[in-house]
Structures are given as structure tokens and as C-alpha cells.
Amino acid sequence: MKGRWRYHPFYVKVRYGALQLIVPFIIFQFIRTLLFPTSFDVVLLTLLALLYAAILCDWI
């Protein structure tokens, strides 16, 4: 028998909380990458953007 929810309610709360935290980090990292472009900044910005896209597309 299937459960009532597709996802556990705690998972949904954590996911939406992560979305709210990732957006300011992406903005900050983008500004930092424009001002002080290092390889680490570019890689971190790419990982944050991919994580954000994965959460939005329900890949995670």
C-alpha cells in the first residue's frame, strides 16, 4: 500500500529551506566571482547553480 505523501514531510521542509538559503549564496558567490575570479570561486558557483537546478527539477 502506498503512503499518503510522495515525499516525507521533513524532506520537503529541508528542501524548501535549502532553496531559500542557496539563492543568497549564489548571488554572493556571483558577485565575488566577478570581483575576484579564481578557479575555486567559479567551481563553487557552478556547484551551487547545479544544486539549485537539481532541487528545482526534482533530481534530488
C-alpha atoms as a PDB file:
ATOM      1  CA  MET A   1       0.000   0.000   0.000  1.00  0.00           C
ATOM      2  CA  LYS A   2       1.314   3.410  -0.935  1.00  0.00           C
ATOM      3  CA  GLY A   3       1.732   6.130   1.638  1.00  0.00           C
ATOM      4  CA  ARG A   4      -0.175   9.379   1.596  1.00  0.00           C
ATOM      5  CA  TRP A   5       2.764  11.511   0.595  1.00  0.00           C
ATOM      6  CA  ARG A   6       5.158  11.286  -2.284  1.00  0.00           C
ATOM      7  CA  TYR A   7       7.970  12.567  -0.054  1.00  0.00           C
ATOM      8  CA  HIS A   8       8.416  12.595   3.683  1.00  0.00           C
ATOM      9  CA  PRO A   9       7.259  15.957   5.134  1.00  0.00           C
ATOM     10  CA  PHE A  10      10.643  16.554   6.790  1.00  0.00           C
ATOM     11  CA  TYR A  11      12.380  16.126   3.429  1.00  0.00           C
ATOM     12  CA  VAL A  12      10.066  18.710   1.845  1.00  0.00           C
ATOM     13  CA  LYS A  13      10.819  21.227   4.626  1.00  0.00           C
ATOM     14  CA  VAL A  14      14.571  20.689   4.302  1.00  0.00           C
ATOM     15  CA  ARG A  15      14.365  21.013   0.528  1.00  0.00           C
ATOM     16  CA  TYR A  16      12.491  24.316   0.592  1.00  0.00           C
ATOM     17  CA  GLY A  17      14.759  25.599   3.344  1.00  0.00           C
ATOM     18  CA  ALA A  18      17.785  24.745   1.211  1.00  0.00           C
ATOM     19  CA  LEU A  19      16.287  26.604  -1.740  1.00  0.00           C
ATOM     20  CA  GLN A  20      15.859  29.712   0.391  1.00  0.00           C
ATOM     21  CA  LEU A  21      19.465  29.527   1.583  1.00  0.00           C
ATOM     22  CA  ILE A  22      21.064  28.687  -1.746  1.00  0.00           C
ATOM     23  CA  VAL A  23      19.754  31.764  -3.594  1.00  0.00           C
ATOM     24  CA  PRO A  24      21.633  34.330  -1.430  1.00  0.00           C
ATOM     25  CA  PHE A  25      24.762  32.157  -1.549  1.00  0.00           C
ATOM     26  CA  ILE A  26      24.572  32.066  -5.355  1.00  0.00           C
ATOM     27  CA  ILE A  27      24.156  35.852  -5.540  1.00  0.00           C
ATOM     28  CA  PHE A  28      27.049  36.440  -3.142  1.00  0.00           C
ATOM     29  CA  GLN A  29      29.255  33.956  -4.961  1.00  0.00           C
ATOM     30  CA  PHE A  30      28.409  35.517  -8.329  1.00  0.00           C
ATOM     31  CA  ILE A  31      29.441  38.977  -7.111  1.00  0.00           C
ATOM     32  CA  ARG A  32      32.585  37.548  -5.545  1.00  0.00           C
ATOM     33  CA  THR A  33      33.417  35.723  -8.782  1.00  0.00           C
ATOM     34  CA  LEU A  34      33.035  38.937 -10.756  1.00  0.00           C
ATOM     35  CA  LEU A  35      35.311  40.862  -8.376  1.00  0.00           C
ATOM     36  CA  PHE A  36      37.922  38.191  -7.544  1.00  0.00           C
ATOM     37  CA  PRO A  37      37.769  35.464 -10.189  1.00  0.00           C
ATOM     38  CA  THR A  38      39.612  32.384  -9.010  1.00  0.00           C
ATOM     39  CA  SER A  39      39.150  28.785 -10.083  1.00  0.00           C
ATOM     40  CA  PHE A  40      37.668  27.888  -6.709  1.00  0.00           C
ATOM     41  CA  ASP A  41      35.047  30.645  -6.975  1.00  0.00           C
ATOM     42  CA  VAL A  42      33.992  29.541 -10.440  1.00  0.00           C
ATOM     43  CA  VAL A  43      33.749  25.890  -9.405  1.00  0.00           C
ATOM     44  CA  LEU A  44      31.794  26.759  -6.245  1.00  0.00           C
ATOM     45  CA  LEU A  45      29.386  28.971  -8.201  1.00  0.00           C
ATOM     46  CA  THR A  46      28.862  26.181 -10.725  1.00  0.00           C
ATOM     47  CA  LEU A  47      28.200  23.613  -7.990  1.00  0.00           C
ATOM     48  CA  LEU A  48      25.717  25.900  -6.241  1.00  0.00           C
ATOM     49  CA  ALA A  49      23.897  26.598  -9.513  1.00  0.00           C
ATOM     50  CA  LEU A  50      23.751  22.885 -10.352  1.00  0.00           C
ATOM     51  CA  LEU A  51      22.475  22.071  -6.870  1.00  0.00           C
ATOM     52  CA  TYR A  52      19.777  24.719  -7.204  1.00  0.00           C
ATOM     53  CA  ALA A  53      18.729  23.399 -10.623  1.00  0.00           C
ATOM     54  CA  ALA A  54      18.710  19.816  -9.337  1.00  0.00           C
ATOM     55  CA  ILE A  55      16.418  20.705  -6.454  1.00  0.00           C
ATOM     56  CA  LEU A  56      14.060  22.645  -8.738  1.00  0.00           C
ATOM     57  CA  CYS A  57      13.891  19.823 -11.292  1.00  0.00           C
ATOM     58  CA  ASP A  58      13.283  17.163  -8.593  1.00  0.00           C
ATOM     59  CA  TRP A  59      16.539  15.357  -9.344  1.00  0.00           C
ATOM     60  CA  ILE A  60      17.394  15.342  -5.646  1.00  0.00           C
END
